[in-house]
Amino acid sequence: MELSVRYYLKVVNLISFQFSNYSDSVIEKVKNFSKILKGKI
């Protein structure tokens, strides 16, 4: 039981870490895209 809980927490941490990295990169892409749009207008 102890092992599965630890494993579950490790998986959750990994997923949340991956998700935060992904959302950061998406935010950067959106910022860059809006800069490009402002430059064209």
N, C-alpha and C. Protein backbone atom coordinates (compact mmCIF):
# COMPACT_ATOMS: atom_id res chain seq x y z
N MET A 1 0.84 -1.21 0.00
CA MET A 1 0.00 0.00 0.00
C MET A 1 0.87 1.26 0.00
N GLU A 2 1.85 1.27 0.90
CA GLU A 2 2.76 2.40 1.02
C GLU A 2 3.45 2.69 -0.32
N LEU A 3 3.90 1.62 -0.96
CA LEU A 3 4.62 1.75 -2.23
C LEU A 3 3.74 2.37 -3.31
N SER A 4 2.49 1.92 -3.40
CA SER A 4 1.61 2.43 -4.45
C SER A 4 1.28 3.91 -4.23
N VAL A 5 1.14 4.31 -2.98
CA VAL A 5 0.87 5.72 -2.67
C VAL A 5 2.07 6.59 -3.09
N ARG A 6 3.26 6.10 -2.78
CA ARG A 6 4.47 6.84 -3.14
C ARG A 6 4.59 6.95 -4.66
N TYR A 7 4.31 5.85 -5.32
CA TYR A 7 4.36 5.82 -6.79
C TYR A 7 3.35 6.79 -7.38
N TYR A 8 2.14 6.78 -6.82
CA TYR A 8 1.07 7.67 -7.28
C TYR A 8 1.48 9.14 -7.14
N LEU A 9 2.05 9.48 -5.98
CA LEU A 9 2.51 10.85 -5.75
C LEU A 9 3.60 11.24 -6.74
N LYS A 10 4.49 10.30 -7.02
CA LYS A 10 5.57 10.57 -7.97
C LYS A 10 5.00 10.86 -9.35
N VAL A 11 4.01 10.07 -9.75
CA VAL A 11 3.36 10.26 -11.06
C VAL A 11 2.64 11.61 -11.10
N VAL A 12 1.93 11.94 -10.04
CA VAL A 12 1.21 13.22 -9.98
C VAL A 12 2.18 14.39 -10.07
N ASN A 13 3.29 14.31 -9.35
CA ASN A 13 4.30 15.37 -9.40
C ASN A 13 4.86 15.51 -10.81
N LEU A 14 5.13 14.37 -11.44
CA LEU A 14 5.68 14.38 -12.80
C LEU A 14 4.71 15.04 -13.76
N ILE A 15 3.44 14.65 -13.67
CA ILE A 15 2.42 15.19 -14.58
C ILE A 15 2.25 16.71 -14.35
N SER A 16 2.18 17.12 -13.10
CA SER A 16 1.99 18.55 -12.81
C SER A 16 3.21 19.35 -13.25
N PHE A 17 4.41 18.76 -13.11
CA PHE A 17 5.64 19.42 -13.56
C PHE A 17 5.62 19.58 -15.07
N GLN A 18 5.27 18.51 -15.78
CA GLN A 18 5.18 18.54 -17.24
C GLN A 18 4.14 19.58 -17.67
N PHE A 19 3.02 19.59 -16.98
CA PHE A 19 1.93 20.51 -17.34
C PHE A 19 2.35 21.96 -17.13
N SER A 20 3.05 22.23 -16.02
CA SER A 20 3.49 23.61 -15.76
C SER A 20 4.52 24.05 -16.80
N ASN A 21 5.40 23.14 -17.21
CA ASN A 21 6.35 23.46 -18.28
C ASN A 21 5.61 23.75 -19.58
N TYR A 22 4.60 22.92 -19.86
CA TYR A 22 3.82 23.07 -21.09
C TYR A 22 3.08 24.41 -21.09
N SER A 23 2.43 24.73 -19.99
CA SER A 23 1.66 25.97 -19.92
C SER A 23 2.59 27.18 -20.00
N ASP A 24 3.79 27.09 -19.41
CA ASP A 24 4.76 28.19 -19.53
C ASP A 24 5.15 28.41 -20.98
N SER A 25 5.40 27.33 -21.71
CA SER A 25 5.81 27.46 -23.11
C SER A 25 4.65 28.01 -23.95
N VAL A 26 3.42 27.62 -23.61
CA VAL A 26 2.26 28.13 -24.33
C VAL A 26 2.12 29.64 -24.10
N ILE A 27 2.30 30.06 -22.85
CA ILE A 27 2.22 31.49 -22.53
C ILE A 27 3.29 32.27 -23.30
N GLU A 28 4.51 31.72 -23.36
CA GLU A 28 5.59 32.37 -24.12
C GLU A 28 5.22 32.48 -25.59
N LYS A 29 4.67 31.41 -26.16
CA LYS A 29 4.28 31.42 -27.58
C LYS A 29 3.21 32.47 -27.83
N VAL A 30 2.24 32.56 -26.92
CA VAL A 30 1.17 33.55 -27.07
C VAL A 30 1.73 34.97 -27.00
N LYS A 31 2.64 35.21 -26.06
CA LYS A 31 3.26 36.54 -25.95
C LYS A 31 4.02 36.89 -27.22
N ASN A 32 4.80 35.93 -27.72
CA ASN A 32 5.56 36.17 -28.94
C ASN A 32 4.64 36.43 -30.11
N PHE A 33 3.55 35.65 -30.20
CA PHE A 33 2.59 35.79 -31.28
C PHE A 33 1.93 37.17 -31.24
N SER A 34 1.57 37.62 -30.05
CA SER A 34 0.93 38.93 -29.93
C SER A 34 1.92 40.05 -30.29
N LYS A 35 3.21 39.86 -29.97
CA LYS A 35 4.23 40.84 -30.37
C LYS A 35 4.31 40.92 -31.89
N ILE A 36 4.28 39.75 -32.54
CA ILE A 36 4.34 39.71 -34.01
C ILE A 36 3.13 40.42 -34.60
N LEU A 37 1.94 40.16 -34.04
CA LEU A 37 0.72 40.80 -34.53
C LEU A 37 0.80 42.31 -34.36
N LYS A 38 1.27 42.77 -33.21
CA LYS A 38 1.38 44.21 -32.97
C LYS A 38 2.36 44.85 -33.93
N GLY A 39 3.43 44.11 -34.24
CA GLY A 39 4.42 44.61 -35.19
C GLY A 39 3.84 44.77 -36.59
N LYS A 40 2.91 43.89 -36.97
CA LYS A 40 2.33 43.94 -38.32
C LYS A 40 1.27 45.02 -38.42
N ILE A 41 0.60 45.32 -37.33
CA ILE A 41 -0.49 46.30 -37.37
C ILE A 41 0.09 47.72 -37.36
